[in-house]
Amino acid sequence: QEEWRSGIDSSTKEDADNTGNTEKSATNDSSNKDDGWDAVWSDDDNGDDAENNADNSEEASDEAKQAQNDEEIESTKATKRRKVMHHRSKLAELLQNCSEEDSYSEVTKYLSTMGPSSIDVEISSLCYGAHDLDDGLHLLHLASLWLVEACESNQSFEAVNAYLHRFLHVHSNIIIQIDTDIKEGETENLIEDAEDPKKLKLKEFAGTIAQLREKQKAGSNRLQGKMQHTICLLRHLSRMV
């Protein structure tokens, strides 16, 4: 009986050991499975983070490209605006270009190739009246500077005086109005308008017109003196004969 009991005990112990080993192996398997799932989930999380970072970098690069494209578009539009700009006449374009070079000889050459009616149209296009002073005043000032330089050059005296005559005849009303406004402003002592850009431009134009009057008078007196000297010589020589 003792042997049978001991056998039972030994078999019971073996069963218990086997059961314990099975539970341990099951526990190990479950822990291994949990570790595997944790690794998988961590890999998924890392992958999601990497994808998010990649998306953010792509969005940043897209925004930078968009900003660069916007800048290129704006610069292109500005260039097109400059290219599309048109002058009201060929004379206005020449005056603008010559003012940058500080020499107006090309203007005189251009007008010398035209007829009287074409010259009259070109001069009239500089300013269409008092309502056009915002754009026309600058062109009138450039034209007066050109005439001052032409009078100082002592060349093509008759042609230059013809251009001056048409300039004053066409724009005399505007010149008189500007001169009157300036004188009225000085008599009323309008100190608040002393730094007005428009007032300063008007005064500058009036000063150029005054300079033009002096240059034309000096050139005319000089030519008249030479002509008088020539007439005197002719009279003297005619008496000798």
Protein backbone atom coordinates (compact mmCIF):
# COMPACT_ATOMS: atom_id res chain seq x y z
CA GLN A 1 0.00 0.00 0.00
CA GLU A 2 2.82 2.38 0.78
CA GLU A 3 4.37 1.70 -2.59
CA TRP A 4 1.07 2.35 -4.30
CA ARG A 5 0.63 5.56 -2.34
CA SER A 6 4.15 6.62 -3.11
CA GLY A 7 3.46 5.90 -6.74
CA ILE A 8 0.32 7.95 -6.55
CA ASP A 9 2.24 10.73 -4.87
CA SER A 10 4.98 10.63 -7.47
CA SER A 11 2.48 10.64 -10.32
CA THR A 12 0.57 13.43 -8.67
CA LYS A 13 3.78 15.42 -8.31
CA GLU A 14 4.63 14.78 -11.89
CA ASP A 15 1.17 15.92 -12.97
CA ALA A 16 1.52 18.99 -10.82
CA ASP A 17 4.94 19.71 -12.27
CA ASN A 18 3.62 19.23 -15.76
CA THR A 19 0.71 21.53 -15.02
CA GLY A 20 3.06 24.16 -13.59
CA ASN A 21 5.32 23.89 -16.59
CA THR A 22 2.32 24.24 -18.92
CA GLU A 23 1.13 27.31 -17.07
CA LYS A 24 4.60 28.81 -17.18
CA SER A 25 4.93 28.12 -20.86
CA ALA A 26 1.48 29.62 -21.47
CA THR A 27 2.44 32.65 -19.41
CA ASN A 28 5.68 32.98 -21.35
CA ASP A 29 3.81 32.62 -24.64
CA SER A 30 1.31 35.28 -23.64
CA SER A 31 4.10 37.61 -22.48
CA ASN A 32 5.95 37.00 -25.75
CA LYS A 33 2.77 37.76 -27.67
CA ASP A 34 2.26 40.94 -25.65
CA ASP A 35 5.86 41.97 -26.33
CA GLY A 36 5.32 41.30 -30.02
CA TRP A 37 2.16 43.42 -30.13
CA ASP A 38 3.89 46.17 -28.19
CA ALA A 39 6.72 46.11 -30.70
CA VAL A 40 4.27 46.22 -33.58
CA TRP A 41 2.35 49.12 -32.07
CA SER A 42 5.57 50.98 -31.30
CA ASP A 43 6.68 50.45 -34.88
CA ASP A 44 3.33 51.78 -36.08
CA ASP A 45 3.65 54.82 -33.81
CA ASN A 46 7.17 55.47 -35.05
CA GLY A 47 5.97 55.13 -38.61
CA ASP A 48 3.12 57.55 -37.99
CA ASP A 49 5.51 60.06 -36.45
CA ALA A 50 7.83 59.73 -39.43
CA GLU A 51 4.93 60.19 -41.83
CA ASN A 52 3.73 63.25 -39.90
CA ASN A 53 7.21 64.75 -39.98
CA ALA A 54 7.46 64.04 -43.69
CA ASP A 55 4.06 65.64 -44.27
CA ASN A 56 5.06 68.70 -42.26
CA SER A 57 8.30 69.06 -44.18
CA GLU A 58 6.44 68.69 -47.46
CA GLU A 59 3.91 71.31 -46.39
CA ALA A 60 6.74 73.68 -45.39
CA SER A 61 8.49 73.14 -48.71
CA ASP A 62 5.19 73.66 -50.56
CA GLU A 63 4.61 76.92 -48.69
CA ALA A 64 8.14 78.09 -49.50
CA LYS A 65 7.64 77.22 -53.17
CA GLN A 66 4.28 79.00 -53.17
CA ALA A 67 5.83 82.11 -51.62
CA GLN A 68 8.64 82.05 -54.18
CA ASN A 69 6.13 81.64 -57.01
CA ASP A 70 4.11 84.57 -55.66
CA GLU A 71 7.23 86.75 -55.59
CA GLU A 72 8.09 85.76 -59.16
CA ILE A 73 4.55 86.54 -60.28
CA GLU A 74 4.63 89.95 -58.61
CA SER A 75 8.01 90.78 -60.18
CA THR A 76 6.71 89.64 -63.57
CA LYS A 77 3.63 91.82 -63.19
CA ALA A 78 5.79 94.80 -62.25
CA THR A 79 8.00 94.21 -65.29
CA LYS A 80 4.97 93.96 -67.53
CA ARG A 81 3.60 97.19 -66.10
CA ARG A 82 6.86 98.93 -66.93
CA LYS A 83 6.88 97.48 -70.43
CA VAL A 84 3.26 98.37 -71.08
CA MET A 85 3.75 102.05 -70.15
CA HIS A 86 3.14 104.30 -73.16
CA HIS A 87 4.03 107.95 -73.66
CA ARG A 88 1.45 110.36 -75.02
CA SER A 89 3.75 111.33 -77.93
CA LYS A 90 7.20 110.75 -79.35
CA LEU A 91 8.25 114.20 -78.17
CA ALA A 92 7.20 113.36 -74.61
CA GLU A 93 9.21 110.14 -74.75
CA LEU A 94 12.31 111.94 -76.06
CA LEU A 95 12.03 114.62 -73.38
CA GLN A 96 11.81 111.97 -70.68
CA ASN A 97 14.78 110.02 -72.02
CA CYS A 98 16.90 113.12 -72.59
CA SER A 99 16.21 114.39 -69.08
CA GLU A 100 17.85 111.25 -67.72
CA GLU A 101 20.92 111.89 -69.90
CA ASP A 102 20.86 115.66 -69.14
CA SER A 103 21.12 116.51 -72.86
CA TYR A 104 18.25 117.55 -75.14
CA SER A 105 20.03 117.69 -78.50
CA GLU A 106 18.06 114.67 -79.77
CA VAL A 107 14.81 116.60 -79.33
CA THR A 108 15.97 119.36 -81.68
CA LYS A 109 17.16 116.80 -84.22
CA TYR A 110 13.84 114.98 -84.09
CA LEU A 111 11.72 118.11 -84.62
CA SER A 112 13.97 119.28 -87.47
CA THR A 113 12.82 116.26 -89.52
CA MET A 114 9.10 117.12 -89.18
CA GLY A 115 6.71 119.50 -90.84
CA PRO A 116 4.98 122.46 -89.17
CA SER A 117 1.66 120.67 -88.58
CA SER A 118 3.38 117.62 -87.03
CA ILE A 119 5.48 119.83 -84.78
CA ASP A 120 2.34 121.67 -83.65
CA VAL A 121 0.67 118.36 -82.76
CA GLU A 122 3.72 117.17 -80.84
CA ILE A 123 3.97 120.39 -78.83
CA SER A 124 0.21 120.43 -78.15
CA SER A 125 0.35 116.87 -76.77
CA LEU A 126 2.58 117.91 -73.87
CA CYS A 127 -0.37 119.30 -71.91
CA TYR A 128 -4.05 119.48 -72.82
CA GLY A 129 -5.07 122.17 -70.36
CA ALA A 130 -5.31 123.03 -66.68
CA HIS A 131 -7.08 119.73 -65.98
CA ASP A 132 -3.99 117.87 -67.28
CA LEU A 133 -1.41 119.53 -65.03
CA ASP A 134 -0.93 116.40 -62.92
CA ASP A 135 0.86 114.73 -65.83
CA GLY A 136 1.42 117.63 -68.22
CA LEU A 137 3.26 119.96 -65.85
CA HIS A 138 6.30 117.69 -65.76
CA LEU A 139 6.41 117.55 -69.58
CA LEU A 140 6.04 121.32 -69.85
CA HIS A 141 8.95 121.73 -67.47
CA LEU A 142 11.11 119.33 -69.50
CA ALA A 143 10.20 121.20 -72.70
CA SER A 144 11.21 124.51 -71.12
CA LEU A 145 14.54 122.99 -70.06
CA TRP A 146 15.06 121.78 -73.63
CA LEU A 147 14.38 125.26 -75.01
CA VAL A 148 16.79 126.82 -72.49
CA GLU A 149 19.53 124.45 -73.61
CA ALA A 150 18.71 125.09 -77.29
CA CYS A 151 18.96 128.87 -76.78
CA GLU A 152 22.30 128.48 -75.01
CA SER A 153 23.71 126.33 -77.82
CA ASN A 154 23.59 129.27 -80.31
CA GLN A 155 22.64 126.84 -83.07
CA SER A 156 19.61 126.77 -85.40
CA PHE A 157 18.49 130.12 -84.01
CA GLU A 158 15.52 130.53 -86.34
CA ALA A 159 14.25 126.98 -85.85
CA VAL A 160 14.62 127.14 -82.05
CA ASN A 161 12.74 130.46 -81.93
CA ALA A 162 10.01 128.94 -84.09
CA TYR A 163 9.68 126.04 -81.61
CA LEU A 164 9.64 128.53 -78.74
CA HIS A 165 6.95 130.60 -80.43
CA ARG A 166 4.67 127.58 -80.91
CA PHE A 167 5.34 126.39 -77.34
CA LEU A 168 4.37 129.75 -75.85
CA HIS A 169 1.41 130.18 -78.21
CA VAL A 170 -0.11 126.77 -77.43
CA HIS A 171 0.52 126.76 -73.67
CA SER A 172 0.37 130.49 -72.93
CA ASN A 173 -2.90 130.22 -70.98
CA ILE A 174 -1.48 127.59 -68.64
CA ILE A 175 1.75 129.55 -68.13
CA ILE A 176 -0.16 132.75 -67.35
CA GLN A 177 -2.46 130.92 -64.93
CA ILE A 178 0.47 129.33 -63.11
CA ASP A 179 2.27 132.67 -62.84
CA THR A 180 -0.89 134.34 -61.53
CA ASP A 181 -1.49 131.62 -58.93
CA ILE A 182 2.08 131.89 -57.68
CA LYS A 183 1.89 135.67 -57.36
CA GLU A 184 -1.44 135.48 -55.53
CA GLY A 185 0.00 132.90 -53.18
CA GLU A 186 2.99 135.11 -52.42
CA THR A 187 0.80 138.16 -51.74
CA GLU A 188 -1.45 136.19 -49.42
CA ASN A 189 1.56 134.69 -47.59
CA LEU A 190 0.27 131.13 -47.62
CA ILE A 191 2.89 129.62 -45.34
CA GLU A 192 1.05 126.33 -45.02
CA ASP A 193 1.52 125.68 -48.77
CA ALA A 194 5.24 126.40 -48.74
CA GLU A 195 6.17 122.72 -48.63
CA ASP A 196 3.38 121.48 -50.90
CA PRO A 197 5.01 119.34 -53.66
CA LYS A 198 2.62 120.68 -56.29
CA LYS A 199 3.35 124.29 -55.30
CA LEU A 200 7.08 123.60 -55.44
CA LYS A 201 6.75 122.12 -58.95
CA LEU A 202 4.78 125.16 -60.09
CA LYS A 203 7.42 127.51 -58.73
CA GLU A 204 10.18 125.48 -60.34
CA PHE A 205 8.40 125.62 -63.70
CA ALA A 206 7.84 129.37 -63.38
CA GLY A 207 11.54 129.83 -62.57
CA THR A 208 12.52 127.86 -65.67
CA ILE A 209 10.20 130.00 -67.83
CA ALA A 210 11.86 133.14 -66.43
CA GLN A 211 15.27 131.67 -67.23
CA LEU A 212 14.07 130.84 -70.74
CA ARG A 213 12.97 134.44 -71.26
CA GLU A 214 16.41 135.70 -70.24
CA LYS A 215 18.26 133.20 -72.45
CA GLN A 216 16.10 134.01 -75.47
CA LYS A 217 16.57 137.74 -74.95
CA ALA A 218 20.34 137.34 -74.56
CA GLY A 219 20.55 135.23 -77.72
CA SER A 220 18.40 137.68 -79.66
CA ASN A 221 20.52 140.65 -78.52
CA ARG A 222 23.68 138.82 -79.46
CA LEU A 223 22.38 137.99 -82.94
CA GLN A 224 21.03 141.51 -83.38
CA GLY A 225 24.45 142.92 -82.47
CA LYS A 226 26.17 140.73 -85.03
CA MET A 227 23.66 141.70 -87.70
CA GLN A 228 24.10 145.39 -86.88
CA HIS A 229 27.86 145.03 -87.08
CA THR A 230 27.53 143.35 -90.49
CA ILE A 231 25.22 146.09 -91.79
CA CYS A 232 27.67 148.75 -90.68
CA LEU A 233 30.52 147.01 -92.50
CA LEU A 234 28.44 146.74 -95.66
CA ARG A 235 27.57 150.43 -95.55
CA HIS A 236 31.19 151.35 -94.99
CA LEU A 237 32.37 149.17 -97.86
CA SER A 238 29.64 150.47 -100.16
CA ARG A 239 30.76 154.07 -99.51
CA MET A 240 34.35 153.17 -100.29
CA VAL A 241 33.32 151.89 -103.70
